[in-house]
Amino acid sequence: MQDKSTRFELALECGNLDVALETARAIDKPELWSRLAQQALAQGNHKIVEIAYQRTKNFDKLSFLYLATGSADKLAKMQKIAQSRKDPMSRFHNALYAGDVEARIAVLRDVDMRTFSVNRFPRIY
């Protein structure tokens, strides 16, 4: 098949993730990477899911993938990436996934959570 888009579609339809990956690299469009990630996840191929999430910079899903696959070292790297991106929610999620209580406390301090008080929130009866 000469047309790369058609080749990608056929590869996904047939479940041939290796050909779909090769074609997605050649075309390199975010929507193709997302579709490839979805299909690879359905087939349980976490290595291709990881590549697709990296290409689309889908950091939240990538962190959760590392949690689900038990990749503690990669999860620690995601904590550093969240720190460099200055994304407190991502930092907190990664610290939560990694079981790092001290990092969670640091995030809450950084966003000044201690200024919130219980009295600010209405009671629900």
PDB file of N, CA and C in Angstrom:
ATOM      1  N   MET A   1       0.847  -1.174   0.000  1.00  0.00           N
ATOM      2  CA  MET A   1       0.000   0.000   0.000  1.00  0.00           C
ATOM      3  C   MET A   1       0.889   1.232   0.000  1.00  0.00           C
ATOM      4  N   GLN A   2       0.707   2.095  -0.972  1.00  0.00           N
ATOM      5  CA  GLN A   2       1.540   3.288  -1.113  1.00  0.00           C
ATOM      6  C   GLN A   2       1.051   4.457  -0.261  1.00  0.00           C
ATOM      7  N   ASP A   3      -0.276   4.644  -0.198  1.00  0.00           N
ATOM      8  CA  ASP A   3      -0.830   5.754   0.570  1.00  0.00           C
ATOM      9  C   ASP A   3      -0.690   5.464   2.066  1.00  0.00           C
ATOM     10  N   LYS A   4       0.028   6.332   2.761  1.00  0.00           N
ATOM     11  CA  LYS A   4       0.333   6.084   4.171  1.00  0.00           C
ATOM     12  C   LYS A   4      -0.910   6.134   5.055  1.00  0.00           C
ATOM     13  N   SER A   5      -1.825   7.041   4.760  1.00  0.00           N
ATOM     14  CA  SER A   5      -3.048   7.135   5.560  1.00  0.00           C
ATOM     15  C   SER A   5      -3.882   5.863   5.440  1.00  0.00           C
ATOM     16  N   THR A   6      -4.014   5.364   4.225  1.00  0.00           N
ATOM     17  CA  THR A   6      -4.769   4.136   4.005  1.00  0.00           C
ATOM     18  C   THR A   6      -4.060   2.955   4.664  1.00  0.00           C
ATOM     19  N   ARG A   7      -2.754   2.949   4.562  1.00  0.00           N
ATOM     20  CA  ARG A   7      -1.981   1.878   5.190  1.00  0.00           C
ATOM     21  C   ARG A   7      -2.188   1.879   6.701  1.00  0.00           C
ATOM     22  N   PHE A   8      -2.197   3.062   7.292  1.00  0.00           N
ATOM     23  CA  PHE A   8      -2.423   3.174   8.727  1.00  0.00           C
ATOM     24  C   PHE A   8      -3.808   2.645   9.098  1.00  0.00           C
ATOM     25  N   GLU A   9      -4.808   3.074   8.345  1.00  0.00           N
ATOM     26  CA  GLU A   9      -6.189   2.642   8.609  1.00  0.00           C
ATOM     27  C   GLU A   9      -6.316   1.117   8.505  1.00  0.00           C
ATOM     28  N   LEU A  10      -5.743   0.549   7.465  1.00  0.00           N
ATOM     29  CA  LEU A  10      -5.817  -0.899   7.287  1.00  0.00           C
ATOM     30  C   LEU A  10      -5.074  -1.643   8.394  1.00  0.00           C
ATOM     31  N   ALA A  11      -3.930  -1.107   8.778  1.00  0.00           N
ATOM     32  CA  ALA A  11      -3.151  -1.749   9.841  1.00  0.00           C
ATOM     33  C   ALA A  11      -3.931  -1.745  11.154  1.00  0.00           C
ATOM     34  N   LEU A  12      -4.585  -0.632  11.462  1.00  0.00           N
ATOM     35  CA  LEU A  12      -5.394  -0.569  12.679  1.00  0.00           C
ATOM     36  C   LEU A  12      -6.576  -1.529  12.596  1.00  0.00           C
ATOM     37  N   GLU A  13      -7.210  -1.553  11.440  1.00  0.00           N
ATOM     38  CA  GLU A  13      -8.379  -2.418  11.253  1.00  0.00           C
ATOM     39  C   GLU A  13      -8.013  -3.896  11.390  1.00  0.00           C
ATOM     40  N   CYS A  14      -6.837  -4.243  10.904  1.00  0.00           N
ATOM     41  CA  CYS A  14      -6.379  -5.636  10.986  1.00  0.00           C
ATOM     42  C   CYS A  14      -5.722  -5.954  12.325  1.00  0.00           C
ATOM     43  N   GLY A  15      -5.492  -4.929  13.137  1.00  0.00           N
ATOM     44  CA  GLY A  15      -4.848  -5.151  14.423  1.00  0.00           C
ATOM     45  C   GLY A  15      -3.347  -5.311  14.336  1.00  0.00           C
ATOM     46  N   ASN A  16      -2.768  -4.891  13.212  1.00  0.00           N
ATOM     47  CA  ASN A  16      -1.328  -4.992  13.030  1.00  0.00           C
ATOM     48  C   ASN A  16      -0.679  -3.720  13.586  1.00  0.00           C
ATOM     49  N   LEU A  17      -0.378  -3.747  14.867  1.00  0.00           N
ATOM     50  CA  LEU A  17       0.137  -2.553  15.539  1.00  0.00           C
ATOM     51  C   LEU A  17       1.540  -2.158  15.090  1.00  0.00           C
ATOM     52  N   ASP A  18       2.344  -3.127  14.695  1.00  0.00           N
ATOM     53  CA  ASP A  18       3.704  -2.803  14.249  1.00  0.00           C
ATOM     54  C   ASP A  18       3.677  -1.956  12.983  1.00  0.00           C
ATOM     55  N   VAL A  19       2.845  -2.336  12.033  1.00  0.00           N
ATOM     56  CA  VAL A  19       2.716  -1.558  10.787  1.00  0.00           C
ATOM     57  C   VAL A  19       2.076  -0.205  11.080  1.00  0.00           C
ATOM     58  N   ALA A  20       1.075  -0.192  11.962  1.00  0.00           N
ATOM     59  CA  ALA A  20       0.420   1.063  12.329  1.00  0.00           C
ATOM     60  C   ALA A  20       1.419   2.008  13.006  1.00  0.00           C
ATOM     61  N   LEU A  21       2.280   1.466  13.852  1.00  0.00           N
ATOM     62  CA  LEU A  21       3.304   2.274  14.518  1.00  0.00           C
ATOM     63  C   LEU A  21       4.277   2.854  13.502  1.00  0.00           C
ATOM     64  N   GLU A  22       4.749   2.016  12.616  1.00  0.00           N
ATOM     65  CA  GLU A  22       5.676   2.456  11.571  1.00  0.00           C
ATOM     66  C   GLU A  22       5.060   3.577  10.728  1.00  0.00           C
ATOM     67  N   THR A  23       3.797   3.419  10.361  1.00  0.00           N
ATOM     68  CA  THR A  23       3.108   4.411   9.540  1.00  0.00           C
ATOM     69  C   THR A  23       2.830   5.686  10.332  1.00  0.00           C
ATOM     70  N   ALA A  24       2.470   5.540  11.597  1.00  0.00           N
ATOM     71  CA  ALA A  24       2.229   6.719  12.438  1.00  0.00           C
ATOM     72  C   ALA A  24       3.507   7.544  12.586  1.00  0.00           C
ATOM     73  N   ARG A  25       4.633   6.860  12.681  1.00  0.00           N
ATOM     74  CA  ARG A  25       5.914   7.591  12.745  1.00  0.00           C
ATOM     75  C   ARG A  25       6.175   8.363  11.463  1.00  0.00           C
ATOM     76  N   ALA A  26       5.803   7.776  10.338  1.00  0.00           N
ATOM     77  CA  ALA A  26       6.024   8.438   9.049  1.00  0.00           C
ATOM     78  C   ALA A  26       5.104   9.641   8.868  1.00  0.00           C
ATOM     79  N   ILE A  27       3.852   9.510   9.288  1.00  0.00           N
ATOM     80  CA  ILE A  27       2.883  10.596   9.121  1.00  0.00           C
ATOM     81  C   ILE A  27       3.022  11.629  10.245  1.00  0.00           C
ATOM     82  N   ASP A  28       3.163  11.145  11.479  1.00  0.00           N
ATOM     83  CA  ASP A  28       3.380  11.958  12.673  1.00  0.00           C
ATOM     84  C   ASP A  28       2.321  13.049  12.878  1.00  0.00           C
ATOM     85  N   LYS A  29       1.066  12.607  13.024  1.00  0.00           N
ATOM     86  CA  LYS A  29      -0.032  13.519  13.341  1.00  0.00           C
ATOM     87  C   LYS A  29      -0.634  13.102  14.682  1.00  0.00           C
ATOM     88  N   PRO A  30      -0.952  14.058  15.550  1.00  0.00           N
ATOM     89  CA  PRO A  30      -1.469  13.727  16.882  1.00  0.00           C
ATOM     90  C   PRO A  30      -2.714  12.838  16.880  1.00  0.00           C
ATOM     91  N   GLU A  31      -3.611  13.055  15.935  1.00  0.00           N
ATOM     92  CA  GLU A  31      -4.834  12.239  15.915  1.00  0.00           C
ATOM     93  C   GLU A  31      -4.542  10.774  15.609  1.00  0.00           C
ATOM     94  N   LEU A  32      -3.530  10.520  14.797  1.00  0.00           N
ATOM     95  CA  LEU A  32      -3.148   9.131  14.508  1.00  0.00           C
ATOM     96  C   LEU A  32      -2.522   8.485  15.738  1.00  0.00           C
ATOM     97  N   TRP A  33      -1.688   9.244  16.448  1.00  0.00           N
ATOM     98  CA  TRP A  33      -1.065   8.720  17.654  1.00  0.00           C
ATOM     99  C   TRP A  33      -2.121   8.381  18.699  1.00  0.00           C
ATOM    100  N   SER A  34      -3.141   9.222  18.803  1.00  0.00           N
ATOM    101  CA  SER A  34      -4.219   8.959  19.765  1.00  0.00           C
ATOM    102  C   SER A  34      -4.979   7.694  19.412  1.00  0.00           C
ATOM    103  N   ARG A  35      -5.286   7.528  18.150  1.00  0.00           N
ATOM    104  CA  ARG A  35      -6.000   6.325  17.710  1.00  0.00           C
ATOM    105  C   ARG A  35      -5.150   5.075  17.900  1.00  0.00           C
ATOM    106  N   LEU A  36      -3.860   5.205  17.624  1.00  0.00           N
ATOM    107  CA  LEU A  36      -2.950   4.075  17.817  1.00  0.00           C
ATOM    108  C   LEU A  36      -2.877   3.699  19.298  1.00  0.00           C
ATOM    109  N   ALA A  37      -2.802   4.707  20.166  1.00  0.00           N
ATOM    110  CA  ALA A  37      -2.761   4.437  21.606  1.00  0.00           C
ATOM    111  C   ALA A  37      -4.012   3.705  22.056  1.00  0.00           C
ATOM    112  N   GLN A  38      -5.146   4.150  21.564  1.00  0.00           N
ATOM    113  CA  GLN A  38      -6.418   3.525  21.945  1.00  0.00           C
ATOM    114  C   GLN A  38      -6.461   2.058  21.501  1.00  0.00           C
ATOM    115  N   GLN A  39      -6.041   1.792  20.278  1.00  0.00           N
ATOM    116  CA  GLN A  39      -6.057   0.422  19.758  1.00  0.00           C
ATOM    117  C   GLN A  39      -5.028  -0.449  20.477  1.00  0.00           C
ATOM    118  N   ALA A  40      -3.851   0.100  20.725  1.00  0.00           N
ATOM    119  CA  ALA A  40      -2.807  -0.655  21.419  1.00  0.00           C
ATOM    120  C   ALA A  40      -3.233  -0.965  22.849  1.00  0.00           C
ATOM    121  N   LEU A  41      -3.912  -0.024  23.493  1.00  0.00           N
ATOM    122  CA  LEU A  41      -4.417  -0.251  24.838  1.00  0.00           C
ATOM    123  C   LEU A  41      -5.460  -1.366  24.834  1.00  0.00           C
ATOM    124  N   ALA A  42      -6.311  -1.369  23.825  1.00  0.00           N
ATOM    125  CA  ALA A  42      -7.334  -2.415  23.709  1.00  0.00           C
ATOM    126  C   ALA A  42      -6.705  -3.789  23.516  1.00  0.00           C
ATOM    127  N   GLN A  43      -5.546  -3.825  22.855  1.00  0.00           N
ATOM    128  CA  GLN A  43      -4.857  -5.094  22.622  1.00  0.00           C
ATOM    129  C   GLN A  43      -3.860  -5.448  23.736  1.00  0.00           C
ATOM    130  N   GLY A  44      -3.685  -4.525  24.677  1.00  0.00           N
ATOM    131  CA  GLY A  44      -2.785  -4.788  25.785  1.00  0.00           C
ATOM    132  C   GLY A  44      -1.314  -4.597  25.473  1.00  0.00           C
ATOM    133  N   ASN A  45      -1.018  -3.841  24.447  1.00  0.00           N
ATOM    134  CA  ASN A  45       0.379  -3.600  24.081  1.00  0.00           C
ATOM    135  C   ASN A  45       0.831  -2.281  24.709  1.00  0.00           C
ATOM    136  N   HIS A  46       1.293  -2.351  25.956  1.00  0.00           N
ATOM    137  CA  HIS A  46       1.631  -1.131  26.685  1.00  0.00           C
ATOM    138  C   HIS A  46       2.868  -0.425  26.148  1.00  0.00           C
ATOM    139  N   LYS A  47       3.732  -1.136  25.438  1.00  0.00           N
ATOM    140  CA  LYS A  47       4.918  -0.481  24.873  1.00  0.00           C
ATOM    141  C   LYS A  47       4.532   0.507  23.768  1.00  0.00           C
ATOM    142  N   ILE A  48       3.597   0.115  22.923  1.00  0.00           N
ATOM    143  CA  ILE A  48       3.140   1.020  21.864  1.00  0.00           C
ATOM    144  C   ILE A  48       2.285   2.131  22.458  1.00  0.00           C
ATOM    145  N   VAL A  49       1.503   1.819  23.482  1.00  0.00           N
ATOM    146  CA  VAL A  49       0.718   2.853  24.165  1.00  0.00           C
ATOM    147  C   VAL A  49       1.668   3.910  24.726  1.00  0.00           C
ATOM    148  N   GLU A  50       2.745   3.465  25.336  1.00  0.00           N
ATOM    149  CA  GLU A  50       3.727   4.388  25.906  1.00  0.00           C
ATOM    150  C   GLU A  50       4.314   5.305  24.831  1.00  0.00           C
ATOM    151  N   ILE A  51       4.706   4.733  23.708  1.00  0.00           N
ATOM    152  CA  ILE A  51       5.268   5.523  22.611  1.00  0.00           C
ATOM    153  C   ILE A  51       4.255   6.568  22.136  1.00  0.00           C
ATOM    154  N   ALA A  52       3.005   6.148  21.968  1.00  0.00           N
ATOM    155  CA  ALA A  52       1.962   7.059  21.480  1.00  0.00           C
ATOM    156  C   ALA A  52       1.704   8.183  22.482  1.00  0.00           C
ATOM    157  N   TYR A  53       1.642   7.860  23.763  1.00  0.00           N
ATOM    158  CA  TYR A  53       1.426   8.892  24.777  1.00  0.00           C
ATOM    159  C   TYR A  53       2.605   9.859  24.836  1.00  0.00           C
ATOM    160  N   GLN A  54       3.812   9.339  24.646  1.00  0.00           N
ATOM    161  CA  GLN A  54       4.992  10.208  24.631  1.00  0.00           C
ATOM    162  C   GLN A  54       4.935  11.162  23.443  1.00  0.00           C
ATOM    163  N   ARG A  55       4.550  10.654  22.293  1.00  0.00           N
ATOM    164  CA  ARG A  55       4.483  11.495  21.090  1.00  0.00           C
ATOM    165  C   ARG A  55       3.442  12.598  21.203  1.00  0.00           C
ATOM    166  N   THR A  56       2.333  12.296  21.880  1.00  0.00           N
ATOM    167  CA  THR A  56       1.267  13.295  22.020  1.00  0.00           C
ATOM    168  C   THR A  56       1.434  14.128  23.284  1.00  0.00           C
ATOM    169  N   LYS A  57       2.494  13.839  24.045  1.00  0.00           N
ATOM    170  CA  LYS A  57       2.755  14.532  25.301  1.00  0.00           C
ATOM    171  C   LYS A  57       1.551  14.465  26.245  1.00  0.00           C
ATOM    172  N   ASN A  58       0.952  13.299  26.303  1.00  0.00           N
ATOM    173  CA  ASN A  58      -0.182  13.058  27.175  1.00  0.00           C
ATOM    174  C   ASN A  58       0.356  12.569  28.522  1.00  0.00           C
ATOM    175  N   PHE A  59       0.841  13.519  29.313  1.00  0.00           N
ATOM    176  CA  PHE A  59       1.568  13.202  30.535  1.00  0.00           C
ATOM    177  C   PHE A  59       0.704  12.516  31.594  1.00  0.00           C
ATOM    178  N   ASP A  60      -0.555  12.924  31.703  1.00  0.00           N
ATOM    179  CA  ASP A  60      -1.420  12.314  32.721  1.00  0.00           C
ATOM    180  C   ASP A  60      -1.653  10.833  32.439  1.00  0.00           C
ATOM    181  N   LYS A  61      -1.971  10.520  31.200  1.00  0.00           N
ATOM    182  CA  LYS A  61      -2.199   9.116  30.842  1.00  0.00           C
ATOM    183  C   LYS A  61      -0.903   8.317  30.923  1.00  0.00           C
ATOM    184  N   LEU A  62       0.189   8.951  30.575  1.00  0.00           N
ATOM    185  CA  LEU A  62       1.491   8.282  30.637  1.00  0.00           C
ATOM    186  C   LEU A  62       1.841   7.935  32.091  1.00  0.00           C
ATOM    187  N   SER A  63       1.599   8.860  32.997  1.00  0.00           N
ATOM    188  CA  SER A  63       1.850   8.589  34.414  1.00  0.00           C
ATOM    189  C   SER A  63       0.992   7.431  34.907  1.00  0.00           C
ATOM    190  N   PHE A  64      -0.277   7.430  34.521  1.00  0.00           N
ATOM    191  CA  PHE A  64      -1.160   6.354  34.960  1.00  0.00           C
ATOM    192  C   PHE A  64      -0.736   5.013  34.352  1.00  0.00           C
ATOM    193  N   LEU A  65      -0.262   5.037  33.113  1.00  0.00           N
ATOM    194  CA  LEU A  65       0.245   3.816  32.484  1.00  0.00           C
ATOM    195  C   LEU A  65       1.425   3.268  33.276  1.00  0.00           C
ATOM    196  N   TYR A  66       2.324   4.157  33.700  1.00  0.00           N
ATOM    197  CA  TYR A  66       3.472   3.719  34.483  1.00  0.00           C
ATOM    198  C   TYR A  66       3.035   3.166  35.838  1.00  0.00           C
ATOM    199  N   LEU A  67       2.005   3.742  36.415  1.00  0.00           N
ATOM    200  CA  LEU A  67       1.467   3.199  37.664  1.00  0.00           C
ATOM    201  C   LEU A  67       0.914   1.799  37.423  1.00  0.00           C
ATOM    202  N   ALA A  68       0.126   1.650  36.363  1.00  0.00           N
ATOM    203  CA  ALA A  68      -0.519   0.366  36.075  1.00  0.00           C
ATOM    204  C   ALA A  68       0.486  -0.723  35.717  1.00  0.00           C
ATOM    205  N   THR A  69       1.588  -0.351  35.079  1.00  0.00           N
ATOM    206  CA  THR A  69       2.583  -1.345  34.688  1.00  0.00           C
ATOM    207  C   THR A  69       3.672  -1.531  35.739  1.00  0.00           C
ATOM    208  N   GLY A  70       3.609  -0.755  36.822  1.00  0.00           N
ATOM    209  CA  GLY A  70       4.584  -0.901  37.902  1.00  0.00           C
ATOM    210  C   GLY A  70       5.952  -0.345  37.577  1.00  0.00           C
ATOM    211  N   SER A  71       6.023   0.633  36.704  1.00  0.00           N
ATOM    212  CA  SER A  71       7.305   1.232  36.314  1.00  0.00           C
ATOM    213  C   SER A  71       7.648   2.390  37.253  1.00  0.00           C
ATOM    214  N   ALA A  72       8.149   2.058  38.422  1.00  0.00           N
ATOM    215  CA  ALA A  72       8.441   3.061  39.447  1.00  0.00           C
ATOM    216  C   ALA A  72       9.504   4.058  38.985  1.00  0.00           C
ATOM    217  N   ASP A  73      10.516   3.576  38.263  1.00  0.00           N
ATOM    218  CA  ASP A  73      11.570   4.480  37.807  1.00  0.00           C
ATOM    219  C   ASP A  73      11.039   5.490  36.786  1.00  0.00           C
ATOM    220  N   LYS A  74      10.157   5.043  35.911  1.00  0.00           N
ATOM    221  CA  LYS A  74       9.572   5.954  34.925  1.00  0.00           C
ATOM    222  C   LYS A  74       8.583   6.914  35.588  1.00  0.00           C
ATOM    223  N   LEU A  75       7.927   6.454  36.616  1.00  0.00           N
ATOM    224  CA  LEU A  75       7.009   7.304  37.368  1.00  0.00           C
ATOM    225  C   LEU A  75       7.793   8.408  38.076  1.00  0.00           C
ATOM    226  N   ALA A  76       8.954   8.076  38.604  1.00  0.00           N
ATOM    227  CA  ALA A  76       9.817   9.080  39.226  1.00  0.00           C
ATOM    228  C   ALA A  76      10.264  10.114  38.200  1.00  0.00           C
ATOM    229  N   LYS A  77      10.527   9.651  36.991  1.00  0.00           N
ATOM    230  CA  LYS A  77      10.909  10.582  35.920  1.00  0.00           C
ATOM    231  C   LYS A  77       9.738  11.513  35.586  1.00  0.00           C
ATOM    232  N   MET A  78       8.519  10.974  35.627  1.00  0.00           N
ATOM    233  CA  MET A  78       7.340  11.804  35.360  1.00  0.00           C
ATOM    234  C   MET A  78       7.166  12.864  36.444  1.00  0.00           C
ATOM    235  N   GLN A  79       7.571  12.555  37.682  1.00  0.00           N
ATOM    236  CA  GLN A  79       7.529  13.548  38.753  1.00  0.00           C
ATOM    237  C   GLN A  79       8.459  14.711  38.416  1.00  0.00           C
ATOM    238  N   LYS A  80       9.634  14.396  37.901  1.00  0.00           N
ATOM    239  CA  LYS A  80      10.592  15.443  37.531  1.00  0.00           C
ATOM    240  C   LYS A  80      10.076  16.269  36.352  1.00  0.00           C
ATOM    241  N   ILE A  81       9.442  15.607  35.405  1.00  0.00           N
ATOM    242  CA  ILE A  81       8.878  16.315  34.253  1.00  0.00           C
ATOM    243  C   ILE A  81       7.769  17.255  34.712  1.00  0.00           C
ATOM    244  N   ALA A  82       6.911  16.788  35.617  1.00  0.00           N
ATOM    245  CA  ALA A  82       5.833  17.638  36.147  1.00  0.00           C
ATOM    246  C   ALA A  82       6.409  18.840  36.886  1.00  0.00           C
ATOM    247  N   GLN A  83       7.500  18.615  37.597  1.00  0.00           N
ATOM    248  CA  GLN A  83       8.172  19.713  38.302  1.00  0.00           C
ATOM    249  C   GLN A  83       8.694  20.746  37.305  1.00  0.00           C
ATOM    250  N   SER A  84       9.334  20.281  36.246  1.00  0.00           N
ATOM    251  CA  SER A  84       9.880  21.213  35.255  1.00  0.00           C
ATOM    252  C   SER A  84       8.784  21.931  34.460  1.00  0.00           C
ATOM    253  N   ARG A  85       7.619  21.285  34.325  1.00  0.00           N
ATOM    254  CA  ARG A  85       6.482  21.908  33.637  1.00  0.00           C
ATOM    255  C   ARG A  85       5.715  22.863  34.539  1.00  0.00           C
ATOM    256  N   LYS A  86       6.075  22.856  35.831  1.00  0.00           N
ATOM    257  CA  LYS A  86       5.397  23.682  36.824  1.00  0.00           C
ATOM    258  C   LYS A  86       3.891  23.397  36.844  1.00  0.00           C
ATOM    259  N   ASP A  87       3.571  22.106  36.875  1.00  0.00           N
ATOM    260  CA  ASP A  87       2.187  21.645  36.878  1.00  0.00           C
ATOM    261  C   ASP A  87       1.894  20.999  38.232  1.00  0.00           C
ATOM    262  N   PRO A  88       1.307  21.764  39.166  1.00  0.00           N
ATOM    263  CA  PRO A  88       1.111  21.220  40.503  1.00  0.00           C
ATOM    264  C   PRO A  88       0.171  20.014  40.555  1.00  0.00           C
ATOM    265  N   MET A  89      -0.851  19.987  39.724  1.00  0.00           N
ATOM    266  CA  MET A  89      -1.770  18.850  39.745  1.00  0.00           C
ATOM    267  C   MET A  89      -1.065  17.575  39.280  1.00  0.00           C
ATOM    268  N   SER A  90      -0.272  17.700  38.236  1.00  0.00           N
ATOM    269  CA  SER A  90       0.487  16.549  37.750  1.00  0.00           C
ATOM    270  C   SER A  90       1.527  16.116  38.787  1.00  0.00           C
ATOM    271  N   ARG A  91       2.154  17.080  39.435  1.00  0.00           N
ATOM    272  CA  ARG A  91       3.106  16.750  40.492  1.00  0.00           C
ATOM    273  C   ARG A  91       2.422  15.973  41.605  1.00  0.00           C
ATOM    274  N   PHE A  92       1.235  16.432  42.003  1.00  0.00           N
ATOM    275  CA  PHE A  92       0.509  15.771  43.076  1.00  0.00           C
ATOM    276  C   PHE A  92       0.098  14.357  42.674  1.00  0.00           C
ATOM    277  N   HIS A  93      -0.430  14.206  41.451  1.00  0.00           N
ATOM    278  CA  HIS A  93      -0.839  12.878  40.987  1.00  0.00           C
ATOM    279  C   HIS A  93       0.343  11.915  40.949  1.00  0.00           C
ATOM    280  N   ASN A  94       1.461  12.373  40.419  1.00  0.00           N
ATOM    281  CA  ASN A  94       2.639  11.513  40.355  1.00  0.00           C
ATOM    282  C   ASN A  94       3.143  11.142  41.740  1.00  0.00           C
ATOM    283  N   ALA A  95       3.106  12.084  42.664  1.00  0.00           N
ATOM    284  CA  ALA A  95       3.517  11.793  44.042  1.00  0.00           C
ATOM    285  C   ALA A  95       2.545  10.808  44.679  1.00  0.00           C
ATOM    286  N   LEU A  96       1.271  10.960  44.375  1.00  0.00           N
ATOM    287  CA  LEU A  96       0.262  10.034  44.897  1.00  0.00           C
ATOM    288  C   LEU A  96       0.480   8.635  44.337  1.00  0.00           C
ATOM    289  N   TYR A  97       0.691   8.543  43.020  1.00  0.00           N
ATOM    290  CA  TYR A  97       0.931   7.246  42.384  1.00  0.00           C
ATOM    291  C   TYR A  97       2.177   6.571  42.928  1.00  0.00           C
ATOM    292  N   ALA A  98       3.207   7.388  43.196  1.00  0.00           N
ATOM    293  CA  ALA A  98       4.481   6.833  43.673  1.00  0.00           C
ATOM    294  C   ALA A  98       4.467   6.549  45.169  1.00  0.00           C
ATOM    295  N   GLY A  99       3.421   6.982  45.859  1.00  0.00           N
ATOM    296  CA  GLY A  99       3.360   6.777  47.295  1.00  0.00           C
ATOM    297  C   GLY A  99       4.308   7.687  48.058  1.00  0.00           C
ATOM    298  N   ASP A 100       4.641   8.819  47.464  1.00  0.00           N
ATOM    299  CA  ASP A 100       5.606   9.754  48.040  1.00  0.00           C
ATOM    300  C   ASP A 100       4.875  10.833  48.845  1.00  0.00           C
ATOM    301  N   VAL A 101       4.727  10.601  50.142  1.00  0.00           N
ATOM    302  CA  VAL A 101       3.980  11.522  51.001  1.00  0.00           C
ATOM    303  C   VAL A 101       4.676  12.870  51.089  1.00  0.00           C
ATOM    304  N   GLU A 102       5.993  12.859  51.208  1.00  0.00           N
ATOM    305  CA  GLU A 102       6.740  14.116  51.328  1.00  0.00           C
ATOM    306  C   GLU A 102       6.575  14.987  50.087  1.00  0.00           C
ATOM    307  N   ALA A 103       6.552  14.381  48.912  1.00  0.00           N
ATOM    308  CA  ALA A 103       6.355  15.146  47.685  1.00  0.00           C
ATOM    309  C   ALA A 103       4.954  15.732  47.627  1.00  0.00           C
ATOM    310  N   ARG A 104       3.964  14.981  48.123  1.00  0.00           N
ATOM    311  CA  ARG A 104       2.586  15.502  48.169  1.00  0.00           C
ATOM    312  C   ARG A 104       2.504  16.711  49.086  1.00  0.00           C
ATOM    313  N   ILE A 105       3.143  16.618  50.232  1.00  0.00           N
ATOM    314  CA  ILE A 105       3.152  17.735  51.177  1.00  0.00           C
ATOM    315  C   ILE A 105       3.824  18.942  50.547  1.00  0.00           C
ATOM    316  N   ALA A 106       4.926  18.698  49.829  1.00  0.00           N
ATOM    317  CA  ALA A 106       5.640  19.799  49.164  1.00  0.00           C
ATOM    318  C   ALA A 106       4.751  20.485  48.133  1.00  0.00           C
ATOM    319  N   VAL A 107       3.990  19.716  47.391  1.00  0.00           N
ATOM    320  CA  VAL A 107       3.090  20.305  46.387  1.00  0.00           C
ATOM    321  C   VAL A 107       2.043  21.161  47.080  1.00  0.00           C
ATOM    322  N   LEU A 108       1.448  20.639  48.126  1.00  0.00           N
ATOM    323  CA  LEU A 108       0.420  21.388  48.849  1.00  0.00           C
ATOM    324  C   LEU A 108       0.981  22.665  49.455  1.00  0.00           C
ATOM    325  N   ARG A 109       2.194  22.591  49.942  1.00  0.00           N
ATOM    326  CA  ARG A 109       2.842  23.807  50.468  1.00  0.00           C
ATOM    327  C   ARG A 109       3.091  24.808  49.346  1.00  0.00           C
ATOM    328  N   ASP A 110       3.537  24.303  48.204  1.00  0.00           N
ATOM    329  CA  ASP A 110       3.834  25.187  47.069  1.00  0.00           C
ATOM    330  C   ASP A 110       2.598  25.927  46.569  1.00  0.00           C
ATOM    331  N   VAL A 111       1.458  25.271  46.629  1.00  0.00           N
ATOM    332  CA  VAL A 111       0.229  25.933  46.162  1.00  0.00           C
ATOM    333  C   VAL A 111      -0.498  26.608  47.320  1.00  0.00           C
ATOM    334  N   ASP A 112       0.147  26.608  48.486  1.00  0.00           N
ATOM    335  CA  ASP A 112      -0.336  27.316  49.657  1.00  0.00           C
ATOM    336  C   ASP A 112      -1.678  26.800  50.146  1.00  0.00           C
ATOM    337  N   MET A 113      -1.803  25.481  50.257  1.00  0.00           N
ATOM    338  CA  MET A 113      -3.040  24.861  50.737  1.00  0.00           C
ATOM    339  C   MET A 113      -3.325  25.180  52.197  1.00  0.00           C
ATOM    340  N   ARG A 114      -2.315  25.564  52.947  1.00  0.00           N
ATOM    341  CA  ARG A 114      -2.548  25.821  54.367  1.00  0.00           C
ATOM    342  C   ARG A 114      -3.414  27.055  54.589  1.00  0.00           C
ATOM    343  N   THR A 115      -3.615  27.881  53.559  1.00  0.00           N
ATOM    344  CA  THR A 115      -4.466  29.056  53.714  1.00  0.00           C
ATOM    345  C   THR A 115      -5.946  28.701  53.668  1.00  0.00           C
ATOM    346  N   PHE A 116      -6.266  27.497  53.210  1.00  0.00           N
ATOM    347  CA  PHE A 116      -7.660  27.070  53.192  1.00  0.00           C
ATOM    348  C   PHE A 116      -8.040  26.575  54.579  1.00  0.00           C
ATOM    349  N   SER A 117      -9.212  26.917  54.989  1.00  0.00           N
ATOM    350  CA  SER A 117      -9.676  26.423  56.282  1.00  0.00           C
ATOM    351  C   SER A 117     -10.986  25.682  56.103  1.00  0.00           C
ATOM    352  N   VAL A 118     -11.300  24.874  57.062  1.00  0.00           N
ATOM    353  CA  VAL A 118     -12.536  24.101  57.010  1.00  0.00           C
ATOM    354  C   VAL A 118     -13.741  25.032  57.021  1.00  0.00           C
ATOM    355  N   ASN A 119     -13.646  26.153  57.680  1.00  0.00           N
ATOM    356  CA  ASN A 119     -14.764  27.088  57.782  1.00  0.00           C
ATOM    357  C   ASN A 119     -15.134  27.743  56.459  1.00  0.00           C
ATOM    358  N   ARG A 120     -14.258  27.706  55.491  1.00  0.00           N
ATOM    359  CA  ARG A 120     -14.545  28.304  54.194  1.00  0.00           C
ATOM    360  C   ARG A 120     -15.547  27.489  53.382  1.00  0.00           C
ATOM    361  N   PHE A 121     -15.689  26.239  53.700  1.00  0.00           N
ATOM    362  CA  PHE A 121     -16.547  25.370  52.915  1.00  0.00           C
ATOM    363  C   PHE A 121     -17.881  25.157  53.639  1.00  0.00           C
ATOM    364  N   PRO A 122     -18.980  25.223  52.928  1.00  0.00           N
ATOM    365  CA  PRO A 122     -20.279  25.048  53.582  1.00  0.00           C
ATOM    366  C   PRO A 122     -20.465  23.607  54.058  1.00  0.00           C
ATOM    367  N   ARG A 123     -21.198  23.469  55.121  1.00  0.00           N
ATOM    368  CA  ARG A 123     -21.499  22.153  55.655  1.00  0.00           C
ATOM    369  C   ARG A 123     -22.582  21.503  54.815  1.00  0.00           C
ATOM    370  N   ILE A 124     -22.438  20.238  54.623  1.00  0.00           N
ATOM    371  CA  ILE A 124     -23.448  19.472  53.889  1.00  0.00           C
ATOM    372  C   ILE A 124     -24.090  18.521  54.882  1.00  0.00           C
ATOM    373  N   TYR A 125     -25.392  18.631  55.031  1.00  0.00           N
ATOM    374  CA  TYR A 125     -26.113  17.796  55.997  1.00  0.00           C
ATOM    375  C   TYR A 125     -26.865  16.716  55.311  1.00  0.00           C
TER     376      TYR A 125
END
